[in-house]
Amino acid sequence: MRRAVLGLVLLSMTGAPLIGCTRFPEVEAAESADVENLDFPDLVAGPPILAQAAGAPVRGTGVEDELTARSDDLRARGAALSGTGVDPDTRASMEARRARIEEERARLSQ
């Protein structure tokens, strides 16, 4: 058992780095011919980028207006629905059913 663990550790230490050296022909075939001659992008420190982003608006153009209009529409629809109610016969039936359920719950919890 100890040898198996030691063998596994040694294999992972020697074999794992070799995986990084594996060639992937599918990837290399997808590269354009001039990929090796391209310049690397400039590396820029984080704080200047963050300083630029701090002054930028968070919302896109017109998003606040769209959301406000949608909110107003939803409020109007909600107000229209709040006027509609359940007719008295249905309300009585619902209340009777709720009372039966409460009685059954109380009976089962004893």
PDB file of N, CA and C in Angstrom:
ATOM      1  N   MET A   1       0.829  -1.188   0.000  1.00  0.00           N
ATOM      2  CA  MET A   1       0.000   0.000   0.000  1.00  0.00           C
ATOM      3  C   MET A   1       0.876   1.256   0.000  1.00  0.00           C
ATOM      4  N   ARG A   2       1.892   1.210   0.824  1.00  0.00           N
ATOM      5  CA  ARG A   2       2.784   2.361   0.925  1.00  0.00           C
ATOM      6  C   ARG A   2       3.533   2.583  -0.383  1.00  0.00           C
ATOM      7  N   ARG A   3       3.915   1.478  -1.018  1.00  0.00           N
ATOM      8  CA  ARG A   3       4.621   1.592  -2.296  1.00  0.00           C
ATOM      9  C   ARG A   3       3.699   2.145  -3.375  1.00  0.00           C
ATOM     10  N   ALA A   4       2.437   1.746  -3.327  1.00  0.00           N
ATOM     11  CA  ALA A   4       1.474   2.227  -4.324  1.00  0.00           C
ATOM     12  C   ALA A   4       1.292   3.737  -4.202  1.00  0.00           C
ATOM     13  N   VAL A   5       1.197   4.211  -2.971  1.00  0.00           N
ATOM     14  CA  VAL A   5       1.034   5.648  -2.746  1.00  0.00           C
ATOM     15  C   VAL A   5       2.292   6.381  -3.196  1.00  0.00           C
ATOM     16  N   LEU A   6       3.458   5.836  -2.850  1.00  0.00           N
ATOM     17  CA  LEU A   6       4.713   6.454  -3.245  1.00  0.00           C
ATOM     18  C   LEU A   6       4.847   6.474  -4.769  1.00  0.00           C
ATOM     19  N   GLY A   7       4.460   5.383  -5.407  1.00  0.00           N
ATOM     20  CA  GLY A   7       4.503   5.315  -6.864  1.00  0.00           C
ATOM     21  C   GLY A   7       3.570   6.331  -7.501  1.00  0.00           C
ATOM     22  N   LEU A   8       2.388   6.495  -6.925  1.00  0.00           N
ATOM     23  CA  LEU A   8       1.430   7.466  -7.438  1.00  0.00           C
ATOM     24  C   LEU A   8       1.953   8.892  -7.281  1.00  0.00           C
ATOM     25  N   VAL A   9       2.577   9.176  -6.157  1.00  0.00           N
ATOM     26  CA  VAL A   9       3.150  10.499  -5.928  1.00  0.00           C
ATOM     27  C   VAL A   9       4.273  10.766  -6.920  1.00  0.00           C
ATOM     28  N   LEU A  10       5.150   9.791  -7.105  1.00  0.00           N
ATOM     29  CA  LEU A  10       6.250   9.974  -8.052  1.00  0.00           C
ATOM     30  C   LEU A  10       5.740  10.136  -9.481  1.00  0.00           C
ATOM     31  N   LEU A  11       4.745   9.366  -9.847  1.00  0.00           N
ATOM     32  CA  LEU A  11       4.173   9.482 -11.176  1.00  0.00           C
ATOM     33  C   LEU A  11       3.562  10.856 -11.396  1.00  0.00           C
ATOM     34  N   SER A  12       2.841  11.356 -10.387  1.00  0.00           N
ATOM     35  CA  SER A  12       2.218  12.669 -10.541  1.00  0.00           C
ATOM     36  C   SER A  12       3.263  13.777 -10.598  1.00  0.00           C
ATOM     37  N   MET A  13       4.382  13.590  -9.898  1.00  0.00           N
ATOM     38  CA  MET A  13       5.423  14.614  -9.912  1.00  0.00           C
ATOM     39  C   MET A  13       6.191  14.618 -11.229  1.00  0.00           C
ATOM     40  N   THR A  14       6.349  13.468 -11.846  1.00  0.00           N
ATOM     41  CA  THR A  14       7.109  13.402 -13.089  1.00  0.00           C
ATOM     42  C   THR A  14       6.216  13.433 -14.307  1.00  0.00           C
ATOM     43  N   GLY A  15       5.034  12.838 -14.220  1.00  0.00           N
ATOM     44  CA  GLY A  15       4.155  12.748 -15.388  1.00  0.00           C
ATOM     45  C   GLY A  15       3.325  13.988 -15.622  1.00  0.00           C
ATOM     46  N   ALA A  16       2.885  14.640 -14.555  1.00  0.00           N
ATOM     47  CA  ALA A  16       2.018  15.812 -14.710  1.00  0.00           C
ATOM     48  C   ALA A  16       2.690  16.942 -15.476  1.00  0.00           C
ATOM     49  N   PRO A  17       3.945  17.268 -15.206  1.00  0.00           N
ATOM     50  CA  PRO A  17       4.561  18.352 -15.981  1.00  0.00           C
ATOM     51  C   PRO A  17       4.680  18.025 -17.469  1.00  0.00           C
ATOM     52  N   LEU A  18       4.766  16.752 -17.806  1.00  0.00           N
ATOM     53  CA  LEU A  18       4.875  16.378 -19.213  1.00  0.00           C
ATOM     54  C   LEU A  18       3.584  16.612 -19.977  1.00  0.00           C
ATOM     55  N   ILE A  19       2.475  16.619 -19.267  1.00  0.00           N
ATOM     56  CA  ILE A  19       1.189  16.862 -19.920  1.00  0.00           C
ATOM     57  C   ILE A  19       1.180  18.259 -20.521  1.00  0.00           C
ATOM     58  N   GLY A  20       1.818  19.202 -19.860  1.00  0.00           N
ATOM     59  CA  GLY A  20       1.894  20.558 -20.380  1.00  0.00           C
ATOM     60  C   GLY A  20       2.686  20.655 -21.673  1.00  0.00           C
ATOM     61  N   CYS A  21       3.528  19.684 -21.949  1.00  0.00           N
ATOM     62  CA  CYS A  21       4.329  19.693 -23.169  1.00  0.00           C
ATOM     63  C   CYS A  21       3.622  19.003 -24.325  1.00  0.00           C
ATOM     64  N   THR A  22       2.441  18.483 -24.086  1.00  0.00           N
ATOM     65  CA  THR A  22       1.711  17.768 -25.127  1.00  0.00           C
ATOM     66  C   THR A  22       1.313  18.725 -26.239  1.00  0.00           C
ATOM     67  N   ARG A  23       1.420  18.254 -27.459  1.00  0.00           N
ATOM     68  CA  ARG A  23       1.035  19.064 -28.619  1.00  0.00           C
ATOM     69  C   ARG A  23      -0.415  18.727 -28.973  1.00  0.00           C
ATOM     70  N   PHE A  24      -1.156  19.725 -29.375  1.00  0.00           N
ATOM     71  CA  PHE A  24      -2.542  19.553 -29.758  1.00  0.00           C
ATOM     72  C   PHE A  24      -2.687  19.972 -31.215  1.00  0.00           C
ATOM     73  N   PRO A  25      -2.640  19.029 -32.146  1.00  0.00           N
ATOM     74  CA  PRO A  25      -2.680  19.368 -33.564  1.00  0.00           C
ATOM     75  C   PRO A  25      -3.945  20.121 -33.970  1.00  0.00           C
ATOM     76  N   GLU A  26      -5.082  19.828 -33.330  1.00  0.00           N
ATOM     77  CA  GLU A  26      -6.330  20.502 -33.692  1.00  0.00           C
ATOM     78  C   GLU A  26      -6.239  21.994 -33.393  1.00  0.00           C
ATOM     79  N   VAL A  27      -5.614  22.336 -32.279  1.00  0.00           N
ATOM     80  CA  VAL A  27      -5.479  23.744 -31.908  1.00  0.00           C
ATOM     81  C   VAL A  27      -4.476  24.424 -32.833  1.00  0.00           C
ATOM     82  N   GLU A  28      -3.365  23.755 -33.057  1.00  0.00           N
ATOM     83  CA  GLU A  28      -2.347  24.343 -33.908  1.00  0.00           C
ATOM     84  C   GLU A  28      -2.857  24.514 -35.337  1.00  0.00           C
ATOM     85  N   ALA A  29      -3.708  23.621 -35.801  1.00  0.00           N
ATOM     86  CA  ALA A  29      -4.254  23.727 -37.155  1.00  0.00           C
ATOM     87  C   ALA A  29      -5.229  24.898 -37.258  1.00  0.00           C
ATOM     88  N   ALA A  30      -5.865  25.267 -36.145  1.00  0.00           N
ATOM     89  CA  ALA A  30      -6.826  26.368 -36.151  1.00  0.00           C
ATOM     90  C   ALA A  30      -6.145  27.729 -36.099  1.00  0.00           C
ATOM     91  N   GLU A  31      -4.867  27.769 -35.721  1.00  0.00           N
ATOM     92  CA  GLU A  31      -4.140  29.039 -35.641  1.00  0.00           C
ATOM     93  C   GLU A  31      -3.840  29.560 -37.040  1.00  0.00           C
ATOM     94  N   SER A  32      -3.863  30.869 -37.164  1.00  0.00           N
ATOM     95  CA  SER A  32      -3.471  31.450 -38.445  1.00  0.00           C
ATOM     96  C   SER A  32      -1.949  31.394 -38.574  1.00  0.00           C
ATOM     97  N   ALA A  33      -1.454  31.557 -39.782  1.00  0.00           N
ATOM     98  CA  ALA A  33      -0.017  31.416 -40.036  1.00  0.00           C
ATOM     99  C   ALA A  33       0.806  32.502 -39.350  1.00  0.00           C
ATOM    100  N   ASP A  34       0.220  33.676 -39.152  1.00  0.00           N
ATOM    101  CA  ASP A  34       0.995  34.781 -38.579  1.00  0.00           C
ATOM    102  C   ASP A  34       0.887  34.885 -37.058  1.00  0.00           C
ATOM    103  N   VAL A  35       0.309  33.879 -36.398  1.00  0.00           N
ATOM    104  CA  VAL A  35       0.112  33.956 -34.954  1.00  0.00           C
ATOM    105  C   VAL A  35       1.435  34.079 -34.195  1.00  0.00           C
ATOM    106  N   GLU A  36       2.472  33.488 -34.697  1.00  0.00           N
ATOM    107  CA  GLU A  36       3.757  33.560 -33.998  1.00  0.00           C
ATOM    108  C   GLU A  36       4.400  34.931 -34.127  1.00  0.00           C
ATOM    109  N   ASN A  37       3.995  35.733 -35.108  1.00  0.00           N
ATOM    110  CA  ASN A  37       4.582  37.050 -35.318  1.00  0.00           C
ATOM    111  C   ASN A  37       3.785  38.177 -34.680  1.00  0.00           C
ATOM    112  N   LEU A  38       2.664  37.851 -34.051  1.00  0.00           N
ATOM    113  CA  LEU A  38       1.831  38.887 -33.442  1.00  0.00           C
ATOM    114  C   LEU A  38       2.503  39.449 -32.195  1.00  0.00           C
ATOM    115  N   ASP A  39       2.233  40.731 -31.929  1.00  0.00           N
ATOM    116  CA  ASP A  39       2.750  41.363 -30.722  1.00  0.00           C
ATOM    117  C   ASP A  39       1.879  40.974 -29.539  1.00  0.00           C
ATOM    118  N   PHE A  40       2.493  40.876 -28.385  1.00  0.00           N
ATOM    119  CA  PHE A  40       1.745  40.623 -27.166  1.00  0.00           C
ATOM    120  C   PHE A  40       1.025  41.907 -26.764  1.00  0.00           C
ATOM    121  N   PRO A  41      -0.116  41.800 -26.110  1.00  0.00           N
ATOM    122  CA  PRO A  41      -0.792  43.015 -25.650  1.00  0.00           C
ATOM    123  C   PRO A  41       0.024  43.672 -24.538  1.00  0.00           C
ATOM    124  N   ASP A  42      -0.134  44.985 -24.426  1.00  0.00           N
ATOM    125  CA  ASP A  42       0.557  45.712 -23.360  1.00  0.00           C
ATOM    126  C   ASP A  42      -0.051  45.328 -22.022  1.00  0.00           C
ATOM    127  N   LEU A  43       0.795  45.112 -21.057  1.00  0.00           N
ATOM    128  CA  LEU A  43       0.333  44.850 -19.703  1.00  0.00           C
ATOM    129  C   LEU A  43       0.202  46.180 -18.986  1.00  0.00           C
ATOM    130  N   VAL A  44      -0.961  46.423 -18.429  1.00  0.00           N
ATOM    131  CA  VAL A  44      -1.246  47.694 -17.768  1.00  0.00           C
ATOM    132  C   VAL A  44      -1.569  47.408 -16.314  1.00  0.00           C
ATOM    133  N   ALA A  45      -1.054  48.251 -15.426  1.00  0.00           N
ATOM    134  CA  ALA A  45      -1.334  48.089 -13.994  1.00  0.00           C
ATOM    135  C   ALA A  45      -2.823  48.299 -13.732  1.00  0.00           C
ATOM    136  N   GLY A  46      -3.318  47.651 -12.722  1.00  0.00           N
ATOM    137  CA  GLY A  46      -4.738  47.707 -12.398  1.00  0.00           C
ATOM    138  C   GLY A  46      -5.254  49.056 -11.941  1.00  0.00           C
ATOM    139  N   PRO A  47      -4.562  49.787 -11.055  1.00  0.00           N
ATOM    140  CA  PRO A  47      -5.132  51.036 -10.529  1.00  0.00           C
ATOM    141  C   PRO A  47      -5.514  52.068 -11.588  1.00  0.00           C
ATOM    142  N   PRO A  48      -4.725  52.308 -12.651  1.00  0.00           N
ATOM    143  CA  PRO A  48      -5.188  53.277 -13.652  1.00  0.00           C
ATOM    144  C   PRO A  48      -6.471  52.845 -14.357  1.00  0.00           C
ATOM    145  N   ILE A  49      -6.591  51.570 -14.621  1.00  0.00           N
ATOM    146  CA  ILE A  49      -7.810  51.059 -15.268  1.00  0.00           C
ATOM    147  C   ILE A  49      -9.004  51.247 -14.340  1.00  0.00           C
ATOM    148  N   LEU A  50      -8.823  50.926 -13.055  1.00  0.00           N
ATOM    149  CA  LEU A  50      -9.914  51.079 -12.098  1.00  0.00           C
ATOM    150  C   LEU A  50     -10.290  52.543 -11.928  1.00  0.00           C
ATOM    151  N   ALA A  51      -9.308  53.449 -11.984  1.00  0.00           N
ATOM    152  CA  ALA A  51      -9.598  54.873 -11.866  1.00  0.00           C
ATOM    153  C   ALA A  51     -10.446  55.347 -13.043  1.00  0.00           C
ATOM    154  N   GLN A  52     -10.161  54.841 -14.232  1.00  0.00           N
ATOM    155  CA  GLN A  52     -10.967  55.203 -15.397  1.00  0.00           C
ATOM    156  C   GLN A  52     -12.385  54.662 -15.260  1.00  0.00           C
ATOM    157  N   ALA A  53     -12.499  53.450 -14.749  1.00  0.00           N
ATOM    158  CA  ALA A  53     -13.817  52.825 -14.618  1.00  0.00           C
ATOM    159  C   ALA A  53     -14.654  53.503 -13.548  1.00  0.00           C
ATOM    160  N   ALA A  54     -14.025  54.099 -12.538  1.00  0.00           N
ATOM    161  CA  ALA A  54     -14.765  54.726 -11.449  1.00  0.00           C
ATOM    162  C   ALA A  54     -15.592  55.903 -11.949  1.00  0.00           C
ATOM    163  N   GLY A  55     -15.116  56.614 -12.959  1.00  0.00           N
ATOM    164  CA  GLY A  55     -15.846  57.754 -13.473  1.00  0.00           C
ATOM    165  C   GLY A  55     -16.871  57.410 -14.537  1.00  0.00           C
ATOM    166  N   ALA A  56     -16.859  56.182 -15.013  1.00  0.00           N
ATOM    167  CA  ALA A  56     -17.765  55.777 -16.092  1.00  0.00           C
ATOM    168  C   ALA A  56     -19.163  55.505 -15.533  1.00  0.00           C
ATOM    169  N   PRO A  57     -20.195  55.819 -16.307  1.00  0.00           N
ATOM    170  CA  PRO A  57     -21.554  55.514 -15.834  1.00  0.00           C
ATOM    171  C   PRO A  57     -21.771  54.008 -15.797  1.00  0.00           C
ATOM    172  N   VAL A  58     -22.509  53.573 -14.810  1.00  0.00           N
ATOM    173  CA  VAL A  58     -22.748  52.142 -14.636  1.00  0.00           C
ATOM    174  C   VAL A  58     -23.855  51.668 -15.560  1.00  0.00           C
ATOM    175  N   ARG A  59     -24.840  52.494 -15.786  1.00  0.00           N
ATOM    176  CA  ARG A  59     -25.983  52.095 -16.605  1.00  0.00           C
ATOM    177  C   ARG A  59     -25.765  52.471 -18.062  1.00  0.00           C
ATOM    178  N   GLY A  60     -26.375  51.699 -18.925  1.00  0.00           N
ATOM    179  CA  GLY A  60     -26.333  52.015 -20.345  1.00  0.00           C
ATOM    180  C   GLY A  60     -27.308  53.139 -20.657  1.00  0.00           C
ATOM    181  N   THR A  61     -27.269  53.602 -21.853  1.00  0.00           N
ATOM    182  CA  THR A  61     -28.129  54.712 -22.272  1.00  0.00           C
ATOM    183  C   THR A  61     -29.586  54.283 -22.260  1.00  0.00           C
ATOM    184  N   GLY A  62     -30.412  55.017 -21.562  1.00  0.00           N
ATOM    185  CA  GLY A  62     -31.851  54.781 -21.554  1.00  0.00           C
ATOM    186  C   GLY A  62     -32.323  53.649 -20.673  1.00  0.00           C
ATOM    187  N   VAL A  63     -31.440  52.967 -20.003  1.00  0.00           N
ATOM    188  CA  VAL A  63     -31.857  51.815 -19.192  1.00  0.00           C
ATOM    189  C   VAL A  63     -32.731  52.268 -18.022  1.00  0.00           C
ATOM    190  N   GLU A  64     -32.322  53.361 -17.392  1.00  0.00           N
ATOM    191  CA  GLU A  64     -33.096  53.848 -16.246  1.00  0.00           C
ATOM    192  C   GLU A  64     -34.508  54.244 -16.678  1.00  0.00           C
ATOM    193  N   ASP A  65     -34.627  54.919 -17.828  1.00  0.00           N
ATOM    194  CA  ASP A  65     -35.946  55.309 -18.326  1.00  0.00           C
ATOM    195  C   ASP A  65     -36.805  54.089 -18.642  1.00  0.00           C
ATOM    196  N   GLU A  66     -36.195  53.079 -19.256  1.00  0.00           N
ATOM    197  CA  GLU A  66     -36.937  51.858 -19.582  1.00  0.00           C
ATOM    198  C   GLU A  66     -37.422  51.159 -18.319  1.00  0.00           C
ATOM    199  N   LEU A  67     -36.551  51.074 -17.315  1.00  0.00           N
ATOM    200  CA  LEU A  67     -36.934  50.397 -16.079  1.00  0.00           C
ATOM    201  C   LEU A  67     -38.009  51.178 -15.329  1.00  0.00           C
ATOM    202  N   THR A  68     -37.917  52.500 -15.359  1.00  0.00           N
ATOM    203  CA  THR A  68     -38.928  53.316 -14.698  1.00  0.00           C
ATOM    204  C   THR A  68     -40.280  53.149 -15.382  1.00  0.00           C
ATOM    205  N   ALA A  69     -40.272  53.142 -16.711  1.00  0.00           N
ATOM    206  CA  ALA A  69     -41.516  52.949 -17.453  1.00  0.00           C
ATOM    207  C   ALA A  69     -42.104  51.569 -17.180  1.00  0.00           C
ATOM    208  N   ARG A  70     -41.256  50.577 -17.137  1.00  0.00           N
ATOM    209  CA  ARG A  70     -41.745  49.219 -16.860  1.00  0.00           C
ATOM    210  C   ARG A  70     -42.309  49.125 -15.449  1.00  0.00           C
ATOM    211  N   SER A  71     -41.618  49.741 -14.500  1.00  0.00           N
ATOM    212  CA  SER A  71     -42.085  49.743 -13.117  1.00  0.00           C
ATOM    213  C   SER A  71     -43.440  50.427 -13.002  1.00  0.00           C
ATOM    214  N   ASP A  72     -43.586  51.584 -13.672  1.00  0.00           N
ATOM    215  CA  ASP A  72     -44.868  52.297 -13.643  1.00  0.00           C
ATOM    216  C   ASP A  72     -45.982  51.448 -14.247  1.00  0.00           C
ATOM    217  N   ASP A  73     -45.668  50.744 -15.354  1.00  0.00           N
ATOM    218  CA  ASP A  73     -46.651  49.877 -15.994  1.00  0.00           C
ATOM    219  C   ASP A  73     -47.073  48.747 -15.059  1.00  0.00           C
ATOM    220  N   LEU A  74     -46.103  48.135 -14.400  1.00  0.00           N
ATOM    221  CA  LEU A  74     -46.427  47.039 -13.480  1.00  0.00           C
ATOM    222  C   LEU A  74     -47.237  47.531 -12.288  1.00  0.00           C
ATOM    223  N   ARG A  75     -46.918  48.711 -11.791  1.00  0.00           N
ATOM    224  CA  ARG A  75     -47.699  49.271 -10.678  1.00  0.00           C
ATOM    225  C   ARG A  75     -49.143  49.534 -11.112  1.00  0.00           C
ATOM    226  N   ALA A  76     -49.318  50.040 -12.321  1.00  0.00           N
ATOM    227  CA  ALA A  76     -50.671  50.302 -12.826  1.00  0.00           C
ATOM    228  C   ALA A  76     -51.447  49.000 -12.985  1.00  0.00           C
ATOM    229  N   ARG A  77     -50.789  47.978 -13.499  1.00  0.00           N
ATOM    230  CA  ARG A  77     -51.460  46.676 -13.643  1.00  0.00           C
ATOM    231  C   ARG A  77     -51.831  46.102 -12.288  1.00  0.00           C
ATOM    232  N   GLY A  78     -50.931  46.260 -11.309  1.00  0.00           N
ATOM    233  CA  GLY A  78     -51.217  45.774  -9.962  1.00  0.00           C
ATOM    234  C   GLY A  78     -52.388  46.506  -9.336  1.00  0.00           C
ATOM    235  N   ALA A  79     -52.437  47.820  -9.546  1.00  0.00           N
ATOM    236  CA  ALA A  79     -53.548  48.603  -9.006  1.00  0.00           C
ATOM    237  C   ALA A  79     -54.867  48.180  -9.646  1.00  0.00           C
ATOM    238  N   ALA A  80     -54.830  47.891 -10.952  1.00  0.00           N
ATOM    239  CA  ALA A  80     -56.050  47.455 -11.636  1.00  0.00           C
ATOM    240  C   ALA A  80     -56.514  46.100 -11.116  1.00  0.00           C
ATOM    241  N   LEU A  81     -55.573  45.238 -10.810  1.00  0.00           N
ATOM    242  CA  LEU A  81     -55.935  43.909 -10.309  1.00  0.00           C
ATOM    243  C   LEU A  81     -56.404  43.948  -8.862  1.00  0.00           C
ATOM    244  N   SER A  82     -55.930  44.906  -8.102  1.00  0.00           N
ATOM    245  CA  SER A  82     -56.305  44.939  -6.688  1.00  0.00           C
ATOM    246  C   SER A  82     -57.773  45.285  -6.512  1.00  0.00           C
ATOM    247  N   GLY A  83     -58.387  45.932  -7.521  1.00  0.00           N
ATOM    248  CA  GLY A  83     -59.798  46.253  -7.444  1.00  0.00           C
ATOM    249  C   GLY A  83     -60.675  45.034  -7.649  1.00  0.00           C
ATOM    250  N   THR A  84     -60.188  44.063  -8.403  1.00  0.00           N
ATOM    251  CA  THR A  84     -60.982  42.859  -8.626  1.00  0.00           C
ATOM    252  C   THR A  84     -60.877  41.992  -7.394  1.00  0.00           C
ATOM    253  N   GLY A  85     -61.959  41.350  -7.097  1.00  0.00           N
ATOM    254  CA  GLY A  85     -61.968  40.513  -5.907  1.00  0.00           C
ATOM    255  C   GLY A  85     -62.668  39.209  -6.168  1.00  0.00           C
ATOM    256  N   VAL A  86     -62.792  38.465  -5.136  1.00  0.00           N
ATOM    257  CA  VAL A  86     -63.473  37.181  -5.218  1.00  0.00           C
ATOM    258  C   VAL A  86     -64.924  37.417  -4.816  1.00  0.00           C
ATOM    259  N   ASP A  87     -65.836  36.849  -5.578  1.00  0.00           N
ATOM    260  CA  ASP A  87     -67.254  37.048  -5.261  1.00  0.00           C
ATOM    261  C   ASP A  87     -67.572  36.420  -3.901  1.00  0.00           C
ATOM    262  N   PRO A  88     -68.624  36.871  -3.244  1.00  0.00           N
ATOM    263  CA  PRO A  88     -68.926  36.423  -1.872  1.00  0.00           C
ATOM    264  C   PRO A  88     -69.119  34.911  -1.737  1.00  0.00           C
ATOM    265  N   ASP A  89     -69.742  34.271  -2.712  1.00  0.00           N
ATOM    266  CA  ASP A  89     -69.958  32.814  -2.621  1.00  0.00           C
ATOM    267  C   ASP A  89     -68.622  32.064  -2.660  1.00  0.00           C
ATOM    268  N   THR A  90     -67.733  32.482  -3.561  1.00  0.00           N
ATOM    269  CA  THR A  90     -66.424  31.844  -3.657  1.00  0.00           C
ATOM    270  C   THR A  90     -65.605  32.120  -2.405  1.00  0.00           C
ATOM    271  N   ARG A  91     -65.696  33.363  -1.894  1.00  0.00           N
ATOM    272  CA  ARG A  91     -64.967  33.713  -0.667  1.00  0.00           C
ATOM    273  C   ARG A  91     -65.434  32.829   0.479  1.00  0.00           C
ATOM    274  N   ALA A  92     -66.745  32.611   0.623  1.00  0.00           N
ATOM    275  CA  ALA A  92     -67.280  31.767   1.689  1.00  0.00           C
ATOM    276  C   ALA A  92     -66.788  30.334   1.547  1.00  0.00           C
ATOM    277  N   SER A  93     -66.761  29.847   0.317  1.00  0.00           N
ATOM    278  CA  SER A  93     -66.272  28.494   0.058  1.00  0.00           C
ATOM    279  C   SER A  93     -64.798  28.365   0.426  1.00  0.00           C
ATOM    280  N   MET A  94     -64.017  29.386   0.072  1.00  0.00           N
ATOM    281  CA  MET A  94     -62.586  29.375   0.393  1.00  0.00           C
ATOM    282  C   MET A  94     -62.361  29.404   1.900  1.00  0.00           C
ATOM    283  N   GLU A  95     -63.126  30.231   2.594  1.00  0.00           N
ATOM    284  CA  GLU A  95     -62.983  30.334   4.049  1.00  0.00           C
ATOM    285  C   GLU A  95     -63.381  29.019   4.727  1.00  0.00           C
ATOM    286  N   ALA A  96     -64.440  28.378   4.215  1.00  0.00           N
ATOM    287  CA  ALA A  96     -64.866  27.099   4.788  1.00  0.00           C
ATOM    288  C   ALA A  96     -63.785  26.042   4.573  1.00  0.00           C
ATOM    289  N   ARG A  97     -63.177  26.035   3.390  1.00  0.00           N
ATOM    290  CA  ARG A  97     -62.106  25.070   3.101  1.00  0.00           C
ATOM    291  C   ARG A  97     -60.895  25.328   3.987  1.00  0.00           C
ATOM    292  N   ARG A  98     -60.567  26.615   4.180  1.00  0.00           N
ATOM    293  CA  ARG A  98     -59.441  26.959   5.033  1.00  0.00           C
ATOM    294  C   ARG A  98     -59.704  26.506   6.466  1.00  0.00           C
ATOM    295  N   ALA A  99     -60.932  26.682   6.935  1.00  0.00           N
ATOM    296  CA  ALA A  99     -61.286  26.269   8.300  1.00  0.00           C
ATOM    297  C   ALA A  99     -61.160  24.750   8.442  1.00  0.00           C
ATOM    298  N   ARG A 100     -61.618  23.994   7.414  1.00  0.00           N
ATOM    299  CA  ARG A 100     -61.489  22.532   7.472  1.00  0.00           C
ATOM    300  C   ARG A 100     -60.025  22.108   7.501  1.00  0.00           C
ATOM    301  N   ILE A 101     -59.195  22.787   6.723  1.00  0.00           N
ATOM    302  CA  ILE A 101     -57.762  22.459   6.691  1.00  0.00           C
ATOM    303  C   ILE A 101     -57.125  22.756   8.045  1.00  0.00           C
ATOM    304  N   GLU A 102     -57.500  23.880   8.650  1.00  0.00           N
ATOM    305  CA  GLU A 102     -56.965  24.228   9.973  1.00  0.00           C
ATOM    306  C   GLU A 102     -57.396  23.212  11.022  1.00  0.00           C
ATOM    307  N   GLU A 103     -58.638  22.766  10.952  1.00  0.00           N
ATOM    308  CA  GLU A 103     -59.116  21.744  11.889  1.00  0.00           C
ATOM    309  C   GLU A 103     -58.348  20.444  11.714  1.00  0.00           C
ATOM    310  N   GLU A 104     -58.135  20.057  10.470  1.00  0.00           N
ATOM    311  CA  GLU A 104     -57.401  18.817  10.194  1.00  0.00           C
ATOM    312  C   GLU A 104     -55.962  18.938  10.671  1.00  0.00           C
ATOM    313  N   ARG A 105     -55.350  20.090  10.454  1.00  0.00           N
ATOM    314  CA  ARG A 105     -53.966  20.311  10.921  1.00  0.00           C
ATOM    315  C   ARG A 105     -53.894  20.225  12.440  1.00  0.00           C
ATOM    316  N   ALA A 106     -54.860  20.836  13.121  1.00  0.00           N
ATOM    317  CA  ALA A 106     -54.867  20.791  14.588  1.00  0.00           C
ATOM    318  C   ALA A 106     -55.072  19.351  15.076  1.00  0.00           C
ATOM    319  N   ARG A 107     -55.943  18.606  14.420  1.00  0.00           N
ATOM    320  CA  ARG A 107     -56.175  17.217  14.806  1.00  0.00           C
ATOM    321  C   ARG A 107     -54.946  16.358  14.625  1.00  0.00           C
ATOM    322  N   LEU A 108     -54.222  16.570  13.503  1.00  0.00           N
ATOM    323  CA  LEU A 108     -53.028  15.772  13.218  1.00  0.00           C
ATOM    324  C   LEU A 108     -51.857  16.145  14.099  1.00  0.00           C
ATOM    325  N   SER A 109     -51.815  17.372  14.580  1.00  0.00           N
ATOM    326  CA  SER A 109     -50.670  17.789  15.405  1.00  0.00           C
ATOM    327  C   SER A 109     -50.815  17.359  16.859  1.00  0.00           C
ATOM    328  N   GLN A 110     -51.967  16.779  17.247  1.00  0.00           N
ATOM    329  CA  GLN A 110     -52.160  16.341  18.642  1.00  0.00           C
ATOM    330  C   GLN A 110     -51.469  15.026  18.899  1.00  0.00           C
TER     331      GLN A 110
END
